[in-house]
Amino acid sequence: MANITITVDEQVLNKARMRALEDGVSINALLREYLEKYTGVNKHYQQVTQEILKIAKKSTATSNGKRWSRDELYER
């Protein structure tokens, strides 16, 4: 990944830091996400993820409360 340097008004940066802290995210993550959305880099990934979630919500499949252990899941 590349690093970038930007110039931002100190007051704006302080407010952004406070809001990011409230949201539990870093300024770096916010800017990265914004640039990814702006450029459409993850657009396909987001569309596919939304489609999978839609299908999952419509699914009538159930585990009937069954829980599997890690060993059972990775049994070969």
PDB file of N, CA and C in Angstrom:
ATOM      1  N   MET A   1       0.835  -1.184   0.000  1.00  0.00           N
ATOM      2  CA  MET A   1       0.000   0.000   0.000  1.00  0.00           C
ATOM      3  C   MET A   1       0.873   1.238   0.000  1.00  0.00           C
ATOM      4  N   ALA A   2       0.363   2.273  -0.600  1.00  0.00           N
ATOM      5  CA  ALA A   2       1.084   3.535  -0.664  1.00  0.00           C
ATOM      6  C   ALA A   2       0.628   4.454   0.467  1.00  0.00           C
ATOM      7  N   ASN A   3       1.496   5.333   0.862  1.00  0.00           N
ATOM      8  CA  ASN A   3       1.168   6.356   1.851  1.00  0.00           C
ATOM      9  C   ASN A   3       0.953   7.671   1.136  1.00  0.00           C
ATOM     10  N   ILE A   4       0.039   8.495   1.658  1.00  0.00           N
ATOM     11  CA  ILE A   4      -0.180   9.822   1.102  1.00  0.00           C
ATOM     12  C   ILE A   4      -0.137  10.841   2.232  1.00  0.00           C
ATOM     13  N   THR A   5       0.146  12.066   1.867  1.00  0.00           N
ATOM     14  CA  THR A   5       0.135  13.170   2.824  1.00  0.00           C
ATOM     15  C   THR A   5      -0.885  14.182   2.333  1.00  0.00           C
ATOM     16  N   ILE A   6      -1.749  14.617   3.235  1.00  0.00           N
ATOM     17  CA  ILE A   6      -2.732  15.633   2.876  1.00  0.00           C
ATOM     18  C   ILE A   6      -2.647  16.783   3.876  1.00  0.00           C
ATOM     19  N   THR A   7      -3.109  17.924   3.449  1.00  0.00           N
ATOM     20  CA  THR A   7      -3.157  19.086   4.324  1.00  0.00           C
ATOM     21  C   THR A   7      -4.620  19.365   4.646  1.00  0.00           C
ATOM     22  N   VAL A   8      -4.906  19.399   5.945  1.00  0.00           N
ATOM     23  CA  VAL A   8      -6.273  19.602   6.414  1.00  0.00           C
ATOM     24  C   VAL A   8      -6.246  20.634   7.530  1.00  0.00           C
ATOM     25  N   ASP A   9      -7.258  21.475   7.554  1.00  0.00           N
ATOM     26  CA  ASP A   9      -7.402  22.437   8.640  1.00  0.00           C
ATOM     27  C   ASP A   9      -7.406  21.691   9.963  1.00  0.00           C
ATOM     28  N   GLU A  10      -6.665  22.183  10.924  1.00  0.00           N
ATOM     29  CA  GLU A  10      -6.518  21.505  12.215  1.00  0.00           C
ATOM     30  C   GLU A  10      -7.858  21.296  12.919  1.00  0.00           C
ATOM     31  N   GLN A  11      -8.726  22.287  12.847  1.00  0.00           N
ATOM     32  CA  GLN A  11     -10.042  22.183  13.487  1.00  0.00           C
ATOM     33  C   GLN A  11     -10.861  21.060  12.833  1.00  0.00           C
ATOM     34  N   VAL A  12     -10.792  20.981  11.526  1.00  0.00           N
ATOM     35  CA  VAL A  12     -11.512  19.925  10.803  1.00  0.00           C
ATOM     36  C   VAL A  12     -10.962  18.556  11.206  1.00  0.00           C
ATOM     37  N   LEU A  13      -9.637  18.443  11.257  1.00  0.00           N
ATOM     38  CA  LEU A  13      -9.018  17.174  11.633  1.00  0.00           C
ATOM     39  C   LEU A  13      -9.402  16.770  13.055  1.00  0.00           C
ATOM     40  N   ASN A  14      -9.409  17.711  13.974  1.00  0.00           N
ATOM     41  CA  ASN A  14      -9.787  17.399  15.360  1.00  0.00           C
ATOM     42  C   ASN A  14     -11.231  16.908  15.447  1.00  0.00           C
ATOM     43  N   LYS A  15     -12.141  17.565  14.714  1.00  0.00           N
ATOM     44  CA  LYS A  15     -13.534  17.126  14.709  1.00  0.00           C
ATOM     45  C   LYS A  15     -13.659  15.745  14.077  1.00  0.00           C
ATOM     46  N   ALA A  16     -12.902  15.520  13.020  1.00  0.00           N
ATOM     47  CA  ALA A  16     -12.931  14.213  12.350  1.00  0.00           C
ATOM     48  C   ALA A  16     -12.416  13.125  13.283  1.00  0.00           C
ATOM     49  N   ARG A  17     -11.359  13.426  14.020  1.00  0.00           N
ATOM     50  CA  ARG A  17     -10.815  12.446  14.981  1.00  0.00           C
ATOM     51  C   ARG A  17     -11.844  12.099  16.058  1.00  0.00           C
ATOM     52  N   MET A  18     -12.532  13.105  16.559  1.00  0.00           N
ATOM     53  CA  MET A  18     -13.544  12.872  17.601  1.00  0.00           C
ATOM     54  C   MET A  18     -14.682  12.003  17.056  1.00  0.00           C
ATOM     55  N   ARG A  19     -15.144  12.344  15.868  1.00  0.00           N
ATOM     56  CA  ARG A  19     -16.245  11.565  15.270  1.00  0.00           C
ATOM     57  C   ARG A  19     -15.796  10.144  14.966  1.00  0.00           C
ATOM     58  N   ALA A  20     -14.597  10.000  14.452  1.00  0.00           N
ATOM     59  CA  ALA A  20     -14.067   8.666  14.152  1.00  0.00           C
ATOM     60  C   ALA A  20     -13.945   7.843  15.428  1.00  0.00           C
ATOM     61  N   LEU A  21     -13.503   8.485  16.492  1.00  0.00           N
ATOM     62  CA  LEU A  21     -13.392   7.800  17.786  1.00  0.00           C
ATOM     63  C   LEU A  21     -14.761   7.319  18.250  1.00  0.00           C
ATOM     64  N   GLU A  22     -15.776   8.158  18.105  1.00  0.00           N
ATOM     65  CA  GLU A  22     -17.144   7.775  18.471  1.00  0.00           C
ATOM     66  C   GLU A  22     -17.627   6.591  17.640  1.00  0.00           C
ATOM     67  N   ASP A  23     -17.217   6.561  16.366  1.00  0.00           N
ATOM     68  CA  ASP A  23     -17.642   5.485  15.459  1.00  0.00           C
ATOM     69  C   ASP A  23     -16.739   4.262  15.536  1.00  0.00           C
ATOM     70  N   GLY A  24     -15.657   4.362  16.317  1.00  0.00           N
ATOM     71  CA  GLY A  24     -14.757   3.229  16.481  1.00  0.00           C
ATOM     72  C   GLY A  24     -13.946   2.910  15.233  1.00  0.00           C
ATOM     73  N   VAL A  25     -13.558   3.950  14.513  1.00  0.00           N
ATOM     74  CA  VAL A  25     -12.801   3.765  13.282  1.00  0.00           C
ATOM     75  C   VAL A  25     -11.666   4.787  13.236  1.00  0.00           C
ATOM     76  N   SER A  26     -10.631   4.492  12.473  1.00  0.00           N
ATOM     77  CA  SER A  26      -9.519   5.434  12.360  1.00  0.00           C
ATOM     78  C   SER A  26      -9.731   6.381  11.184  1.00  0.00           C
ATOM     79  N   ILE A  27      -9.067   7.521  11.238  1.00  0.00           N
ATOM     80  CA  ILE A  27      -9.101   8.473  10.125  1.00  0.00           C
ATOM     81  C   ILE A  27      -8.552   7.786   8.873  1.00  0.00           C
ATOM     82  N   ASN A  28      -7.498   7.021   9.042  1.00  0.00           N
ATOM     83  CA  ASN A  28      -6.894   6.303   7.919  1.00  0.00           C
ATOM     84  C   ASN A  28      -7.916   5.375   7.253  1.00  0.00           C
ATOM     85  N   ALA A  29      -8.647   4.615   8.052  1.00  0.00           N
ATOM     86  CA  ALA A  29      -9.654   3.698   7.510  1.00  0.00           C
ATOM     87  C   ALA A  29     -10.776   4.473   6.814  1.00  0.00           C
ATOM     88  N   LEU A  30     -11.180   5.598   7.396  1.00  0.00           N
ATOM     89  CA  LEU A  30     -12.226   6.419   6.776  1.00  0.00           C
ATOM     90  C   LEU A  30     -11.802   6.929   5.404  1.00  0.00           C
ATOM     91  N   LEU A  31     -10.589   7.442   5.324  1.00  0.00           N
ATOM     92  CA  LEU A  31     -10.102   7.967   4.049  1.00  0.00           C
ATOM     93  C   LEU A  31      -9.916   6.858   3.020  1.00  0.00           C
ATOM     94  N   ARG A  32      -9.400   5.705   3.462  1.00  0.00           N
ATOM     95  CA  ARG A  32      -9.217   4.575   2.550  1.00  0.00           C
ATOM     96  C   ARG A  32     -10.573   4.133   1.996  1.00  0.00           C
ATOM     97  N   GLU A  33     -11.565   4.004   2.880  1.00  0.00           N
ATOM     98  CA  GLU A  33     -12.908   3.593   2.447  1.00  0.00           C
ATOM     99  C   GLU A  33     -13.506   4.613   1.478  1.00  0.00           C
ATOM    100  N   TYR A  34     -13.316   5.883   1.787  1.00  0.00           N
ATOM    101  CA  TYR A  34     -13.839   6.922   0.895  1.00  0.00           C
ATOM    102  C   TYR A  34     -13.204   6.821  -0.488  1.00  0.00           C
ATOM    103  N   LEU A  35     -11.891   6.674  -0.548  1.00  0.00           N
ATOM    104  CA  LEU A  35     -11.203   6.592  -1.833  1.00  0.00           C
ATOM    105  C   LEU A  35     -11.601   5.336  -2.608  1.00  0.00           C
ATOM    106  N   GLU A  36     -11.821   4.239  -1.894  1.00  0.00           N
ATOM    107  CA  GLU A  36     -12.268   3.009  -2.553  1.00  0.00           C
ATOM    108  C   GLU A  36     -13.661   3.196  -3.153  1.00  0.00           C
ATOM    109  N   LYS A  37     -14.548   3.839  -2.411  1.00  0.00           N
ATOM    110  CA  LYS A  37     -15.890   4.112  -2.930  1.00  0.00           C
ATOM    111  C   LYS A  37     -15.828   5.094  -4.094  1.00  0.00           C
ATOM    112  N   TYR A  38     -15.022   6.117  -3.948  1.00  0.00           N
ATOM    113  CA  TYR A  38     -14.899   7.158  -4.967  1.00  0.00           C
ATOM    114  C   TYR A  38     -14.407   6.581  -6.292  1.00  0.00           C
ATOM    115  N   THR A  39     -13.479   5.655  -6.213  1.00  0.00           N
ATOM    116  CA  THR A  39     -12.914   5.065  -7.429  1.00  0.00           C
ATOM    117  C   THR A  39     -13.658   3.830  -7.892  1.00  0.00           C
ATOM    118  N   GLY A  40     -14.555   3.301  -7.058  1.00  0.00           N
ATOM    119  CA  GLY A  40     -15.307   2.107  -7.425  1.00  0.00           C
ATOM    120  C   GLY A  40     -14.493   0.835  -7.335  1.00  0.00           C
ATOM    121  N   VAL A  41     -13.368   0.872  -6.638  1.00  0.00           N
ATOM    122  CA  VAL A  41     -12.473  -0.281  -6.542  1.00  0.00           C
ATOM    123  C   VAL A  41     -13.184  -1.509  -5.984  1.00  0.00           C
ATOM    124  N   ASN A  42     -13.955  -1.343  -4.938  1.00  0.00           N
ATOM    125  CA  ASN A  42     -14.610  -2.481  -4.296  1.00  0.00           C
ATOM    126  C   ASN A  42     -16.077  -2.616  -4.687  1.00  0.00           C
ATOM    127  N   LYS A  43     -16.489  -1.946  -5.733  1.00  0.00           N
ATOM    128  CA  LYS A  43     -17.895  -1.955  -6.106  1.00  0.00           C
ATOM    129  C   LYS A  43     -18.394  -3.369  -6.390  1.00  0.00           C
ATOM    130  N   HIS A  44     -17.632  -4.131  -7.154  1.00  0.00           N
ATOM    131  CA  HIS A  44     -18.040  -5.501  -7.483  1.00  0.00           C
ATOM    132  C   HIS A  44     -18.129  -6.348  -6.213  1.00  0.00           C
ATOM    133  N   TYR A  45     -17.137  -6.240  -5.351  1.00  0.00           N
ATOM    134  CA  TYR A  45     -17.134  -6.983  -4.089  1.00  0.00           C
ATOM    135  C   TYR A  45     -18.363  -6.631  -3.259  1.00  0.00           C
ATOM    136  N   GLN A  46     -18.694  -5.353  -3.174  1.00  0.00           N
ATOM    137  CA  GLN A  46     -19.848  -4.917  -2.393  1.00  0.00           C
ATOM    138  C   GLN A  46     -21.147  -5.432  -2.998  1.00  0.00           C
ATOM    139  N   GLN A  47     -21.244  -5.426  -4.327  1.00  0.00           N
ATOM    140  CA  GLN A  47     -22.451  -5.930  -4.988  1.00  0.00           C
ATOM    141  C   GLN A  47     -22.627  -7.416  -4.721  1.00  0.00           C
ATOM    142  N   VAL A  48     -21.553  -8.175  -4.832  1.00  0.00           N
ATOM    143  CA  VAL A  48     -21.621  -9.617  -4.597  1.00  0.00           C
ATOM    144  C   VAL A  48     -21.975  -9.900  -3.145  1.00  0.00           C
ATOM    145  N   THR A  49     -21.382  -9.162  -2.231  1.00  0.00           N
ATOM    146  CA  THR A  49     -21.679  -9.342  -0.809  1.00  0.00           C
ATOM    147  C   THR A  49     -23.150  -9.071  -0.525  1.00  0.00           C
ATOM    148  N   GLN A  50     -23.698  -8.005  -1.087  1.00  0.00           N
ATOM    149  CA  GLN A  50     -25.111  -7.685  -0.889  1.00  0.00           C
ATOM    150  C   GLN A  50     -26.009  -8.784  -1.449  1.00  0.00           C
ATOM    151  N   GLU A  51     -25.635  -9.330  -2.598  1.00  0.00           N
ATOM    152  CA  GLU A  51     -26.423 -10.408  -3.206  1.00  0.00           C
ATOM    153  C   GLU A  51     -26.410 -11.659  -2.324  1.00  0.00           C
ATOM    154  N   ILE A  52     -25.262 -12.003  -1.787  1.00  0.00           N
ATOM    155  CA  ILE A  52     -25.153 -13.160  -0.893  1.00  0.00           C
ATOM    156  C   ILE A  52     -26.016 -12.949   0.349  1.00  0.00           C
ATOM    157  N   LEU A  53     -25.980 -11.753   0.924  1.00  0.00           N
ATOM    158  CA  LEU A  53     -26.788 -11.467   2.104  1.00  0.00           C
ATOM    159  C   LEU A  53     -28.282 -11.548   1.803  1.00  0.00           C
ATOM    160  N   LYS A  54     -28.690 -11.079   0.610  1.00  0.00           N
ATOM    161  CA  LYS A  54     -30.097 -11.179   0.202  1.00  0.00           C
ATOM    162  C   LYS A  54     -30.529 -12.636   0.109  1.00  0.00           C
ATOM    163  N   ILE A  55     -29.686 -13.454  -0.514  1.00  0.00           N
ATOM    164  CA  ILE A  55     -29.984 -14.882  -0.662  1.00  0.00           C
ATOM    165  C   ILE A  55     -30.068 -15.543   0.714  1.00  0.00           C
ATOM    166  N   ALA A  56     -29.144 -15.197   1.601  1.00  0.00           N
ATOM    167  CA  ALA A  56     -29.131 -15.785   2.939  1.00  0.00           C
ATOM    168  C   ALA A  56     -30.405 -15.446   3.707  1.00  0.00           C
ATOM    169  N   LYS A  57     -30.904 -14.219   3.562  1.00  0.00           N
ATOM    170  CA  LYS A  57     -32.125 -13.817   4.265  1.00  0.00           C
ATOM    171  C   LYS A  57     -33.344 -14.582   3.762  1.00  0.00           C
ATOM    172  N   LYS A  58     -33.342 -14.921   2.472  1.00  0.00           N
ATOM    173  CA  LYS A  58     -34.465 -15.646   1.889  1.00  0.00           C
ATOM    174  C   LYS A  58     -34.397 -17.145   2.173  1.00  0.00           C
ATOM    175  N   SER A  59     -33.247 -17.630   2.581  1.00  0.00           N
ATOM    176  CA  SER A  59     -33.036 -19.060   2.773  1.00  0.00           C
ATOM    177  C   SER A  59     -33.914 -19.608   3.894  1.00  0.00           C
ATOM    178  N   THR A  60     -34.419 -20.794   3.677  1.00  0.00           N
ATOM    179  CA  THR A  60     -35.203 -21.475   4.712  1.00  0.00           C
ATOM    180  C   THR A  60     -34.391 -22.588   5.371  1.00  0.00           C
ATOM    181  N   ALA A  61     -33.125 -22.688   5.007  1.00  0.00           N
ATOM    182  CA  ALA A  61     -32.249 -23.713   5.581  1.00  0.00           C
ATOM    183  C   ALA A  61     -32.065 -23.446   7.068  1.00  0.00           C
ATOM    184  N   THR A  62     -31.882 -24.519   7.815  1.00  0.00           N
ATOM    185  CA  THR A  62     -31.691 -24.387   9.253  1.00  0.00           C
ATOM    186  C   THR A  62     -30.741 -25.463   9.752  1.00  0.00           C
ATOM    187  N   SER A  63     -30.071 -25.184  10.825  1.00  0.00           N
ATOM    188  CA  SER A  63     -29.182 -26.172  11.447  1.00  0.00           C
ATOM    189  C   SER A  63     -29.917 -26.928  12.551  1.00  0.00           C
ATOM    190  N   ASN A  64     -31.161 -26.538  12.813  1.00  0.00           N
ATOM    191  CA  ASN A  64     -31.952 -27.122  13.903  1.00  0.00           C
ATOM    192  C   ASN A  64     -31.203 -27.071  15.226  1.00  0.00           C
ATOM    193  N   GLY A  65     -30.434 -26.014  15.426  1.00  0.00           N
ATOM    194  CA  GLY A  65     -29.715 -25.832  16.684  1.00  0.00           C
ATOM    195  C   GLY A  65     -28.413 -26.600  16.777  1.00  0.00           C
ATOM    196  N   LYS A  66     -28.083 -27.385  15.755  1.00  0.00           N
ATOM    197  CA  LYS A  66     -26.846 -28.194  15.777  1.00  0.00           C
ATOM    198  C   LYS A  66     -25.640 -27.265  15.714  1.00  0.00           C
ATOM    199  N   ARG A  67     -24.656 -27.516  16.561  1.00  0.00           N
ATOM    200  CA  ARG A  67     -23.403 -26.770  16.561  1.00  0.00           C
ATOM    201  C   ARG A  67     -22.286 -27.757  16.233  1.00  0.00           C
ATOM    202  N   TRP A  68     -21.370 -27.346  15.374  1.00  0.00           N
ATOM    203  CA  TRP A  68     -20.271 -28.226  15.000  1.00  0.00           C
ATOM    204  C   TRP A  68     -18.991 -27.755  15.662  1.00  0.00           C
ATOM    205  N   SER A  69     -18.132 -28.714  15.957  1.00  0.00           N
ATOM    206  CA  SER A  69     -16.813 -28.364  16.509  1.00  0.00           C
ATOM    207  C   SER A  69     -15.890 -28.044  15.345  1.00  0.00           C
ATOM    208  N   ARG A  70     -14.784 -27.434  15.637  1.00  0.00           N
ATOM    209  CA  ARG A  70     -13.809 -27.108  14.603  1.00  0.00           C
ATOM    210  C   ARG A  70     -13.334 -28.368  13.904  1.00  0.00           C
ATOM    211  N   ASP A  71     -13.075 -29.434  14.685  1.00  0.00           N
ATOM    212  CA  ASP A  71     -12.619 -30.689  14.085  1.00  0.00           C
ATOM    213  C   ASP A  71     -13.638 -31.268  13.115  1.00  0.00           C
ATOM    214  N   GLU A  72     -14.924 -31.176  13.477  1.00  0.00           N
ATOM    215  CA  GLU A  72     -15.975 -31.689  12.585  1.00  0.00           C
ATOM    216  C   GLU A  72     -16.030 -30.878  11.281  1.00  0.00           C
ATOM    217  N   LEU A  73     -15.874 -29.573  11.402  1.00  0.00           N
ATOM    218  CA  LEU A  73     -15.946 -28.729  10.221  1.00  0.00           C
ATOM    219  C   LEU A  73     -14.780 -28.971   9.255  1.00  0.00           C
ATOM    220  N   TYR A  74     -13.620 -29.309   9.808  1.00  0.00           N
ATOM    221  CA  TYR A  74     -12.434 -29.479   8.972  1.00  0.00           C
ATOM    222  C   TYR A  74     -12.064 -30.946   8.782  1.00  0.00           C
ATOM    223  N   GLU A  75     -13.007 -31.839   9.055  1.00  0.00           N
ATOM    224  CA  GLU A  75     -12.782 -33.268   8.893  1.00  0.00           C
ATOM    225  C   GLU A  75     -12.548 -33.577   7.413  1.00  0.00           C
ATOM    226  N   ARG A  76     -11.555 -34.381   7.123  1.00  0.00           N
ATOM    227  CA  ARG A  76     -11.268 -34.697   5.712  1.00  0.00           C
ATOM    228  C   ARG A  76     -11.280 -36.167   5.468  1.00  0.00           C
TER     229      ARG A  76
END
